[in-house]
């Protein structure tokens, strides 16, 4: 690496640095395009002028440039009081340095060191149902018939809507594209669409069908992604009123169902590539691809009872289901939610006190291994997610973080806040945790503090 000097004229101010400093901006930045593979300045203009004597004019704010240049030099972000943070973020985006700013502003996600960084006020009472974190630290909130989108600076972008129908689920393909599914639809208005997170523009609709009869209308429910194959998956239900009566193995009852299954779409083309004709028998509230197994986790309710299925897409079979006629447990009367810990173990939460347990596909004993840890009654339905080897469980207005070792749950931290009432939903992504409160629709943003400057 050369220490070649580089001179910039930024908005009339001369600023000098070295190629070594600019190389820390990485190849995907504006500075990366100025240099060759060895970070030597590319030929430009008068060849008689030595590269180190050339002046590169940039018509941007010189104060922000100096702050960002110092960030590249030291890895630390110091914003003088005379520079608005929004202006700095806009300039960082221009130079391709937003990732550097984010890294300096808060550290890598550490659930044991999370701190409440900010709270975003709700738009209207009692109407938000879900929140999803974006890959770059923003989020999307399902709010009745629209989705409100926030970037990583928590600035709100134009809202998304699909004929203002009730939103069922939302998901981020990447930091620029959001998928939305709605609860009601017709053959004329398919219930899934891809939107621009920046402008709110509808990019394209997904055709919903079972691969057999494309005339029937389908409504899309829970969403998930298989990043390895660039696929979008959604639980689907035929919107026809003509139900089918089937004997369901979980409830042991005749259940009226419509044609159901799991649809698969290509993220790039938006075309449907597969359909798993699988009778859900209820509402699939959560689906999640199990990486490395070619299987899909499906969890939801049948007659107010929680069920779990694991579907293998290689031969279109149900490889595991729960419960299989066995009692859930004696200490917890019901399951509220479940989340995969890995491809063979699932964490569940149940009972009136939010007891945690484990379902192990490899176990021959069956049932749930419960580890009671609370003696306080839950007032609102708990929710679960597993992230980076830890379990996050919302109990009323707080989120508890656990590590599971030696068949015991170890409480490592608690994220609590009373304003806004019980937690409706929460999501982790972009090194942040977002918690949506049900009563006032406010959401909290939890971050890991950046490392102290020594």
Protein backbone atom coordinates (compact mmCIF):
# COMPACT_ATOMS: atom_id res chain seq x y z
CA UNK A 1 0.00 0.00 0.00
CA UNK A 2 1.35 3.37 -1.00
CA UNK A 3 1.21 6.52 1.14
CA UNK A 4 0.63 8.58 -2.02
CA UNK A 5 -0.63 12.08 -1.24
CA UNK A 6 -4.04 13.10 -2.59
CA UNK A 7 -5.33 16.66 -2.80
CA UNK A 8 -9.04 17.57 -2.83
CA UNK A 9 -10.77 20.87 -3.43
CA UNK A 10 -14.04 20.43 -1.55
CA UNK A 11 -16.39 23.35 -2.02
CA UNK A 12 -13.39 25.69 -2.35
CA UNK A 13 -11.40 24.33 0.61
CA UNK A 14 -8.14 22.47 -0.03
CA UNK A 15 -7.92 19.23 1.95
CA UNK A 16 -5.04 16.76 1.66
CA UNK A 17 -4.82 13.15 2.72
CA UNK A 18 -3.16 9.91 1.60
CA UNK A 19 -4.21 6.91 -0.45
CA UNK A 20 -3.63 4.80 2.66
CA UNK A 21 -6.37 6.70 4.51
CA UNK A 22 -8.76 6.58 1.56
CA UNK A 23 -8.23 2.84 1.18
CA UNK A 24 -10.06 2.32 4.47
CA UNK A 25 -13.21 3.48 2.63
CA UNK A 26 -13.18 0.15 0.74
CA UNK A 27 -13.91 -0.53 -2.92
CA UNK A 28 -17.65 0.15 -2.81
CA UNK A 29 -17.08 3.82 -1.93
CA UNK A 30 -16.61 6.79 -4.26
CA UNK A 31 -12.91 6.83 -3.39
CA UNK A 32 -12.55 3.19 -4.42
CA UNK A 33 -13.39 4.19 -8.01
CA UNK A 34 -10.54 6.72 -8.06
CA UNK A 35 -7.81 4.11 -7.56
CA UNK A 36 -6.55 0.96 -9.27
CA UNK A 37 -6.29 -2.45 -7.65
CA UNK A 38 -3.17 -1.37 -5.76
CA UNK A 39 -4.80 1.85 -4.57
CA UNK A 40 -2.78 4.05 -6.87
CA UNK A 41 -4.57 6.99 -8.44
CA UNK A 42 -6.07 6.26 -11.84
CA UNK A 43 -4.79 8.41 -14.77
CA UNK A 44 -6.87 11.53 -15.10
CA UNK A 45 -6.59 14.73 -17.11
CA UNK A 46 -3.18 16.17 -18.02
CA UNK A 47 -0.66 13.32 -18.07
CA UNK A 48 2.19 15.82 -17.58
CA UNK A 49 0.96 16.57 -14.08
CA UNK A 50 2.15 14.15 -11.43
CA UNK A 51 -0.72 12.27 -9.72
CA UNK A 52 0.22 13.63 -6.29
CA UNK A 53 0.06 17.19 -7.67
CA UNK A 54 -3.41 16.86 -9.15
CA UNK A 55 -6.35 18.51 -7.46
CA UNK A 56 -9.68 16.69 -7.36
CA UNK A 57 -12.64 19.05 -7.13
CA UNK A 58 -15.76 17.89 -5.27
CA UNK A 59 -18.74 20.23 -5.07
CA UNK A 60 -19.86 19.18 -1.61
CA UNK A 61 -19.81 20.43 1.98
CA UNK A 62 -16.18 20.77 3.19
CA UNK A 63 -17.00 20.52 6.91
CA UNK A 64 -18.75 17.17 6.48
CA UNK A 65 -15.91 15.96 4.25
CA UNK A 66 -13.42 16.75 7.02
CA UNK A 67 -15.50 14.81 9.57
CA UNK A 68 -15.75 11.79 7.28
CA UNK A 69 -12.06 11.94 6.43
CA UNK A 70 -11.22 11.95 10.13
CA UNK A 71 -13.51 8.92 10.51
CA UNK A 72 -11.44 7.10 7.89
CA UNK A 73 -8.22 8.08 9.68
CA UNK A 74 -9.23 7.12 13.21
CA UNK A 75 -12.32 4.91 13.00
CA UNK A 76 -14.03 7.33 15.39
CA UNK A 77 -16.95 9.62 14.62
CA UNK A 78 -16.96 13.11 16.11
CA UNK A 79 -19.65 15.47 14.83
CA UNK A 80 -19.15 19.16 15.76
CA UNK A 81 -22.24 20.95 17.06
CA UNK A 82 -22.38 23.18 13.97
CA UNK A 83 -22.97 20.21 11.63
CA UNK A 84 -26.53 18.75 11.52
CA UNK A 85 -26.38 14.96 11.76
CA UNK A 86 -28.85 14.57 8.88
CA UNK A 87 -26.53 16.60 6.64
CA UNK A 88 -23.60 14.41 7.63
CA UNK A 89 -25.56 11.24 6.87
CA UNK A 90 -26.57 12.64 3.46
CA UNK A 91 -22.93 13.40 2.68
CA UNK A 92 -21.82 9.98 3.92
CA UNK A 93 -24.35 8.40 1.57
CA UNK A 94 -22.92 10.41 -1.34
CA UNK A 95 -19.40 9.13 -0.66
CA UNK A 96 -20.55 5.57 0.02
CA UNK A 97 -19.50 5.74 3.68
CA UNK A 98 -22.79 5.08 5.49
CA UNK A 99 -21.56 1.70 6.73
CA UNK A 100 -18.53 3.40 8.29
CA UNK A 101 -20.77 5.94 10.02
CA UNK A 102 -23.10 3.24 11.32
CA UNK A 103 -20.21 1.18 12.64
CA UNK A 104 -18.78 4.19 14.45
CA UNK A 105 -22.17 5.33 15.77
CA UNK A 106 -22.99 2.00 17.41
CA UNK A 107 -21.13 -1.26 17.85
CA UNK A 108 -21.83 -4.77 16.59
CA UNK A 109 -25.01 -6.29 17.99
CA UNK A 110 -24.42 -7.51 21.55
CA UNK A 111 -27.64 -8.50 23.31
CA UNK A 112 -26.03 -8.23 26.74
CA UNK A 113 -25.05 -4.58 26.20
CA UNK A 114 -28.11 -3.21 24.40
CA UNK A 115 -29.23 0.28 25.40
CA UNK A 116 -32.40 2.20 24.53
CA UNK A 117 -31.21 4.66 21.88
CA UNK A 118 -34.47 6.31 20.80
CA UNK A 119 -38.24 6.03 20.68
CA UNK A 120 -40.36 6.83 17.62
CA UNK A 121 -43.87 8.10 18.27
CA UNK A 122 -46.84 6.13 16.95
CA UNK A 123 -49.09 7.44 14.19
CA UNK A 124 -52.46 6.32 15.58
CA UNK A 125 -53.64 4.23 18.54
CA UNK A 126 -54.26 0.50 18.49
CA UNK A 127 -53.64 -0.37 14.86
CA UNK A 128 -50.02 -1.49 14.34
CA UNK A 129 -49.52 -5.25 14.10
CA UNK A 130 -45.92 -6.02 13.09
CA UNK A 131 -42.44 -4.53 12.87
CA UNK A 132 -39.55 -5.80 10.73
CA UNK A 133 -35.93 -4.64 10.91
CA UNK A 134 -34.13 -3.89 7.66
CA UNK A 135 -30.61 -5.17 6.90
CA UNK A 136 -29.12 -1.68 7.27
CA UNK A 137 -30.72 -0.64 10.57
CA UNK A 138 -34.07 0.78 9.43
CA UNK A 139 -37.48 -0.81 9.90
CA UNK A 140 -40.98 -1.21 8.48
CA UNK A 141 -44.19 -1.14 10.54
CA UNK A 142 -47.48 -2.71 9.42
CA UNK A 143 -50.18 -0.19 10.25
CA UNK A 144 -53.67 -1.26 9.19
CA UNK A 145 -53.72 -1.13 5.40
CA UNK A 146 -50.32 0.53 4.97
CA UNK A 147 -46.69 -0.06 5.86
CA UNK A 148 -44.66 2.79 7.31
CA UNK A 149 -40.98 2.71 6.36
CA UNK A 150 -38.09 4.22 8.31
CA UNK A 151 -34.46 4.41 7.22
CA UNK A 152 -31.56 3.80 9.58
CA UNK A 153 -31.67 7.49 10.59
CA UNK A 154 -35.32 6.84 11.60
CA UNK A 155 -36.56 9.27 8.98
CA UNK A 156 -39.95 8.19 7.62
CA UNK A 157 -40.23 7.47 3.89
CA UNK A 158 -43.44 7.41 1.79
CA UNK A 159 -45.80 4.67 3.05
CA UNK A 160 -46.57 1.49 1.12
CA UNK A 161 -50.04 0.13 0.35
CA UNK A 162 -51.64 -2.56 -1.77
CA UNK A 163 -55.16 -1.20 -2.36
CA UNK A 164 -55.24 -0.34 1.37
CA UNK A 165 -56.09 -3.90 2.28
CA UNK A 166 -55.17 -5.20 5.73
CA UNK A 167 -51.46 -6.05 5.88
CA UNK A 168 -50.70 -9.63 6.88
CA UNK A 169 -46.88 -9.67 6.84
CA UNK A 170 -43.88 -7.71 5.60
CA UNK A 171 -40.29 -8.65 4.84
CA UNK A 172 -37.11 -7.08 3.53
CA UNK A 173 -35.54 -8.61 0.42
CA UNK A 174 -32.66 -6.18 0.93
CA UNK A 175 -32.26 -2.61 2.16
CA UNK A 176 -34.01 -1.29 -0.99
CA UNK A 177 -36.94 -3.69 -1.50
CA UNK A 178 -39.83 -4.69 0.75
CA UNK A 179 -42.33 -7.50 0.21
CA UNK A 180 -45.88 -7.06 1.54
CA UNK A 181 -48.67 -9.62 1.82
CA UNK A 182 -52.29 -8.70 2.52
CA UNK A 183 -55.09 -10.67 4.12
CA UNK A 184 -57.77 -10.17 1.47
CA UNK A 185 -57.42 -10.26 -2.25
CA UNK A 186 -59.01 -11.37 -5.49
CA UNK A 187 -57.74 -12.73 -8.78
CA UNK A 188 -57.67 -9.17 -10.02
CA UNK A 189 -55.65 -7.85 -7.09
CA UNK A 190 -53.03 -10.42 -6.03
CA UNK A 191 -52.09 -10.22 -2.38
CA UNK A 192 -48.30 -9.81 -2.63
CA UNK A 193 -46.15 -7.03 -3.98
CA UNK A 194 -42.57 -5.73 -3.98
CA UNK A 195 -42.05 -2.06 -3.15
CA UNK A 196 -39.22 0.45 -3.15
CA UNK A 197 -38.37 1.26 0.46
CA UNK A 198 -37.15 4.71 -0.63
CA UNK A 199 -40.04 5.94 -2.80
CA UNK A 200 -42.91 3.62 -1.85
CA UNK A 201 -43.36 2.68 -5.51
CA UNK A 202 -44.88 -0.72 -6.31
CA UNK A 203 -42.21 -2.51 -8.35
CA UNK A 204 -44.24 -5.59 -9.26
CA UNK A 205 -46.94 -7.94 -8.02
CA UNK A 206 -46.58 -11.63 -7.37
CA UNK A 207 -48.92 -14.01 -9.13
CA UNK A 208 -50.45 -16.29 -6.51
CA UNK A 209 -51.56 -19.79 -7.42
CA UNK A 210 -51.17 -23.46 -6.66
CA UNK A 211 -49.64 -24.31 -10.03
CA UNK A 212 -52.80 -26.15 -11.05
CA UNK A 213 -55.63 -23.65 -11.33
CA UNK A 214 -54.41 -20.09 -11.93
CA UNK A 215 -58.01 -18.83 -11.98
CA UNK A 216 -58.46 -19.30 -8.25
CA UNK A 217 -57.55 -16.40 -6.01
CA UNK A 218 -55.06 -16.87 -3.18
CA UNK A 219 -54.26 -14.73 -0.17
CA UNK A 220 -50.68 -14.64 1.12
CA UNK A 221 -49.90 -14.86 4.82
CA UNK A 222 -46.60 -15.25 6.65
CA UNK A 223 -43.41 -14.51 4.70
CA UNK A 224 -39.81 -15.69 4.84
CA UNK A 225 -36.73 -15.80 2.61
CA UNK A 226 -34.20 -18.38 1.47
CA UNK A 227 -31.17 -16.18 0.84
CA UNK A 228 -29.11 -19.04 -0.62
CA UNK A 229 -31.45 -19.44 -3.60
CA UNK A 230 -32.93 -15.91 -3.73
CA UNK A 231 -36.43 -17.22 -3.04
CA UNK A 232 -39.44 -15.70 -1.28
CA UNK A 233 -41.80 -18.09 0.52
CA UNK A 234 -45.31 -17.40 1.76
CA UNK A 235 -48.13 -19.37 3.31
CA UNK A 236 -51.09 -19.26 0.91
CA UNK A 237 -54.81 -19.82 1.27
CA UNK A 238 -57.45 -19.97 -1.46
CA UNK A 239 -59.89 -17.08 -1.16
CA UNK A 240 -62.86 -19.09 -2.44
CA UNK A 241 -65.69 -19.54 0.04
CA UNK A 242 -66.09 -23.19 -0.93
CA UNK A 243 -64.31 -24.99 1.89
CA UNK A 244 -63.12 -28.59 2.02
CA UNK A 245 -63.82 -30.75 5.06
CA UNK A 246 -60.80 -32.80 6.11
CA UNK A 247 -59.80 -34.83 9.15
CA UNK A 248 -56.88 -32.99 10.74
CA UNK A 249 -54.22 -35.12 12.44
CA UNK A 250 -53.36 -32.48 15.05
CA UNK A 251 -56.82 -31.61 16.37
CA UNK A 252 -58.50 -34.94 15.63
CA UNK A 253 -61.48 -33.06 14.23
CA UNK A 254 -63.15 -32.42 10.92
CA UNK A 255 -61.88 -29.00 9.80
CA UNK A 256 -63.22 -26.84 7.02
CA UNK A 257 -60.27 -25.66 4.96
CA UNK A 258 -59.66 -24.06 1.62
CA UNK A 259 -56.84 -25.01 -0.71
CA UNK A 260 -53.65 -24.15 1.18
CA UNK A 261 -49.92 -24.46 0.88
CA UNK A 262 -46.55 -22.73 0.67
CA UNK A 263 -45.79 -20.69 -2.44
CA UNK A 264 -42.26 -19.98 -3.66
CA UNK A 265 -41.20 -17.06 -5.86
CA UNK A 266 -37.97 -15.92 -7.46
CA UNK A 267 -36.82 -12.65 -5.88
CA UNK A 268 -35.36 -11.32 -9.14
CA UNK A 269 -38.13 -12.13 -11.63
CA UNK A 270 -41.09 -12.25 -9.25
CA UNK A 271 -42.30 -15.45 -10.94
CA UNK A 272 -43.74 -18.31 -8.92
CA UNK A 273 -41.39 -21.31 -9.08
CA UNK A 274 -42.98 -23.84 -6.73
CA UNK A 275 -45.99 -24.65 -4.58
CA UNK A 276 -46.08 -27.08 -1.66
CA UNK A 277 -49.70 -28.32 -1.56
CA UNK A 278 -49.94 -28.62 2.19
CA UNK A 279 -53.12 -28.36 4.26
CA UNK A 280 -52.22 -25.97 7.05
CA UNK A 281 -55.55 -26.45 8.77
CA UNK A 282 -55.21 -23.06 10.46
CA UNK A 283 -53.33 -19.80 10.29
CA UNK A 284 -49.58 -20.10 9.74
CA UNK A 285 -48.38 -17.15 11.78
CA UNK A 286 -44.69 -17.87 11.30
CA UNK A 287 -42.62 -19.62 8.64
CA UNK A 288 -38.83 -19.80 8.62
CA UNK A 289 -36.36 -21.48 6.29
CA UNK A 290 -34.01 -23.86 8.12
CA UNK A 291 -30.64 -23.23 6.52
CA UNK A 292 -28.72 -26.30 5.42
CA UNK A 293 -31.72 -28.64 5.65
CA UNK A 294 -33.93 -27.83 2.62
CA UNK A 295 -36.75 -27.65 5.14
CA UNK A 296 -39.26 -25.05 6.25
CA UNK A 297 -40.51 -24.43 9.78
CA UNK A 298 -44.26 -23.68 9.92
CA UNK A 299 -45.94 -22.59 13.14
CA UNK A 300 -49.46 -21.39 13.79
CA UNK A 301 -52.83 -21.96 15.42
CA UNK A 302 -55.56 -24.54 14.85
CA UNK A 303 -58.67 -24.06 16.98
CA UNK A 304 -56.65 -21.81 19.30
CA UNK A 305 -53.95 -24.48 19.75
CA UNK A 306 -50.40 -23.99 18.53
CA UNK A 307 -48.90 -26.48 16.09
CA UNK A 308 -45.50 -26.94 14.40
CA UNK A 309 -44.67 -28.66 11.12
CA UNK A 310 -41.37 -29.16 9.31
CA UNK A 311 -41.76 -29.45 5.53
CA UNK A 312 -39.11 -30.98 3.27
CA UNK A 313 -39.14 -29.33 -0.16
CA UNK A 314 -37.06 -32.06 -1.80
CA UNK A 315 -39.88 -34.62 -1.82
CA UNK A 316 -42.77 -32.38 -0.69
CA UNK A 317 -43.29 -34.21 2.60
CA UNK A 318 -44.05 -33.40 6.22
CA UNK A 319 -40.98 -34.78 7.99
CA UNK A 320 -41.97 -33.79 11.53
CA UNK A 321 -44.98 -32.35 13.31
CA UNK A 322 -46.03 -31.46 16.82
CA UNK A 323 -48.08 -32.27 18.78
CA UNK A 324 -48.63 -35.88 17.69
CA UNK A 325 -51.35 -36.84 20.10
CA UNK A 326 -49.11 -36.37 23.17
CA UNK A 327 -49.75 -33.95 25.98
CA UNK A 328 -47.92 -30.66 25.64
CA UNK A 329 -46.95 -30.63 29.30
CA UNK A 330 -48.41 -30.60 32.76
CA UNK A 331 -46.97 -27.27 33.91
CA UNK A 332 -47.83 -25.16 30.88
CA UNK A 333 -51.34 -25.46 29.55
CA UNK A 334 -50.64 -24.14 26.06
CA UNK A 335 -48.00 -22.95 23.60
CA UNK A 336 -47.99 -19.27 22.67
CA UNK A 337 -45.15 -19.11 20.17
CA UNK A 338 -42.17 -21.08 18.85
CA UNK A 339 -38.90 -20.29 17.10
CA UNK A 340 -36.20 -22.53 15.57
CA UNK A 341 -32.96 -22.61 17.56
CA UNK A 342 -31.32 -24.71 14.82
CA UNK A 343 -32.48 -27.26 12.26
CA UNK A 344 -33.41 -29.83 14.93
CA UNK A 345 -34.43 -27.88 18.05
CA UNK A 346 -37.20 -25.36 18.62
CA UNK A 347 -37.72 -23.00 21.53
CA UNK A 348 -41.32 -22.63 22.72
CA UNK A 349 -43.02 -20.38 25.25
CA UNK A 350 -46.18 -21.41 27.04
CA UNK A 351 -48.33 -21.34 30.12
CA UNK A 352 -49.73 -18.39 31.99
CA UNK A 353 -46.30 -17.26 33.15
CA UNK A 354 -44.32 -17.43 29.89
CA UNK A 355 -42.39 -20.61 30.66
CA UNK A 356 -39.67 -21.52 28.15
CA UNK A 357 -39.15 -25.01 26.81
CA UNK A 358 -37.37 -26.97 24.08
CA UNK A 359 -38.72 -29.33 21.43
CA UNK A 360 -36.02 -31.64 20.08
CA UNK A 361 -36.67 -33.47 16.81
CA UNK A 362 -34.01 -36.04 17.72
CA UNK A 363 -35.55 -36.90 21.08
CA UNK A 364 -37.43 -40.19 21.36
CA UNK A 365 -39.29 -39.07 24.47
CA UNK A 366 -41.45 -36.49 22.71
CA UNK A 367 -43.10 -33.51 24.29
CA UNK A 368 -41.51 -30.35 25.64
CA UNK A 369 -38.63 -30.14 28.11
CA UNK A 370 -39.81 -27.25 30.27
CA UNK A 371 -37.59 -25.12 32.48
CA UNK A 372 -39.82 -22.85 34.57
CA UNK A 373 -38.23 -19.56 35.43
CA UNK A 374 -41.11 -17.17 36.14
CA UNK A 375 -43.94 -16.96 38.63
CA UNK A 376 -45.67 -13.85 37.30
CA UNK A 377 -48.76 -14.15 35.11
CA UNK A 378 -48.48 -12.82 31.54
CA UNK A 379 -51.09 -10.26 30.57
CA UNK A 380 -50.31 -10.35 26.86
CA UNK A 381 -49.30 -13.08 24.42
CA UNK A 382 -45.50 -13.66 24.50
CA UNK A 383 -43.42 -13.74 21.32
CA UNK A 384 -40.14 -15.50 20.57
CA UNK A 385 -37.20 -15.18 18.24
CA UNK A 386 -33.76 -16.78 18.22
CA UNK A 387 -30.75 -14.76 17.17
CA UNK A 388 -27.00 -15.45 17.34
CA UNK A 389 -27.39 -18.37 19.73
CA UNK A 390 -29.68 -16.57 22.17
CA UNK A 391 -33.44 -16.54 22.73
CA UNK A 392 -35.42 -13.30 22.92
CA UNK A 393 -38.84 -13.52 24.57
CA UNK A 394 -41.28 -10.62 24.98
CA UNK A 395 -43.30 -10.74 28.19
CA UNK A 396 -45.78 -7.87 28.43
CA UNK A 397 -43.71 -4.66 28.21
CA UNK A 398 -40.20 -6.13 28.38
CA UNK A 399 -37.95 -8.46 26.40
CA UNK A 400 -35.88 -11.06 28.22
CA UNK A 401 -32.72 -12.50 26.65
CA UNK A 402 -31.66 -16.06 27.46
CA UNK A 403 -28.86 -18.46 26.73
CA UNK A 404 -29.69 -22.18 26.73
CA UNK A 405 -26.96 -24.36 28.13
CA UNK A 406 -26.89 -27.72 29.94
CA UNK A 407 -30.66 -27.99 29.54
CA UNK A 408 -31.19 -24.82 31.54
CA UNK A 409 -32.13 -21.28 30.57
CA UNK A 410 -29.79 -18.55 31.77
CA UNK A 411 -31.17 -15.01 31.85
CA UNK A 412 -28.47 -12.70 30.46
CA UNK A 413 -30.30 -9.35 30.13
CA UNK A 414 -33.70 -7.67 30.23
CA UNK A 415 -34.88 -4.85 27.98
CA UNK A 416 -37.68 -3.06 29.80
CA UNK A 417 -39.75 0.04 29.17
CA UNK A 418 -43.23 0.86 30.40
CA UNK A 419 -44.39 3.60 27.98
CA UNK A 420 -46.64 2.34 25.21
CA UNK A 421 -47.95 -0.73 27.00
CA UNK A 422 -47.26 -4.40 26.18
CA UNK A 423 -45.02 -5.33 23.27
CA UNK A 424 -46.97 -6.22 20.14
CA UNK A 425 -43.97 -7.37 18.11
CA UNK A 426 -40.19 -7.06 17.94
CA UNK A 427 -37.50 -7.64 15.33
CA UNK A 428 -33.70 -7.80 15.12
CA UNK A 429 -31.61 -6.66 12.14
CA UNK A 430 -28.97 -4.18 11.05
CA UNK A 431 -27.35 -4.41 14.53
CA UNK A 432 -30.52 -3.09 16.16
CA UNK A 433 -33.53 -4.43 18.02
CA UNK A 434 -36.92 -2.79 17.40
CA UNK A 435 -39.80 -3.25 19.86
CA UNK A 436 -43.32 -2.19 18.86
CA UNK A 437 -45.78 -1.36 21.68
CA UNK A 438 -49.44 -2.13 21.28
CA UNK A 439 -51.21 0.69 23.11
CA UNK A 440 -49.58 3.77 21.61
CA UNK A 441 -47.90 2.25 18.53
CA UNK A 442 -44.55 3.69 19.58
CA UNK A 443 -41.47 1.64 18.81
CA UNK A 444 -38.21 1.55 20.70
CA UNK A 445 -34.78 1.25 19.11
CA UNK A 446 -32.16 -0.67 21.07
CA UNK A 447 -28.47 -0.44 20.09
CA UNK A 448 -25.12 -1.65 21.35
CA UNK A 449 -23.01 1.35 22.42
CA UNK A 450 -19.86 1.94 20.40
CA UNK A 451 -16.54 1.07 22.01
CA UNK A 452 -15.15 3.84 24.23
CA UNK A 453 -12.44 6.07 22.81
CA UNK A 454 -9.16 5.32 24.58
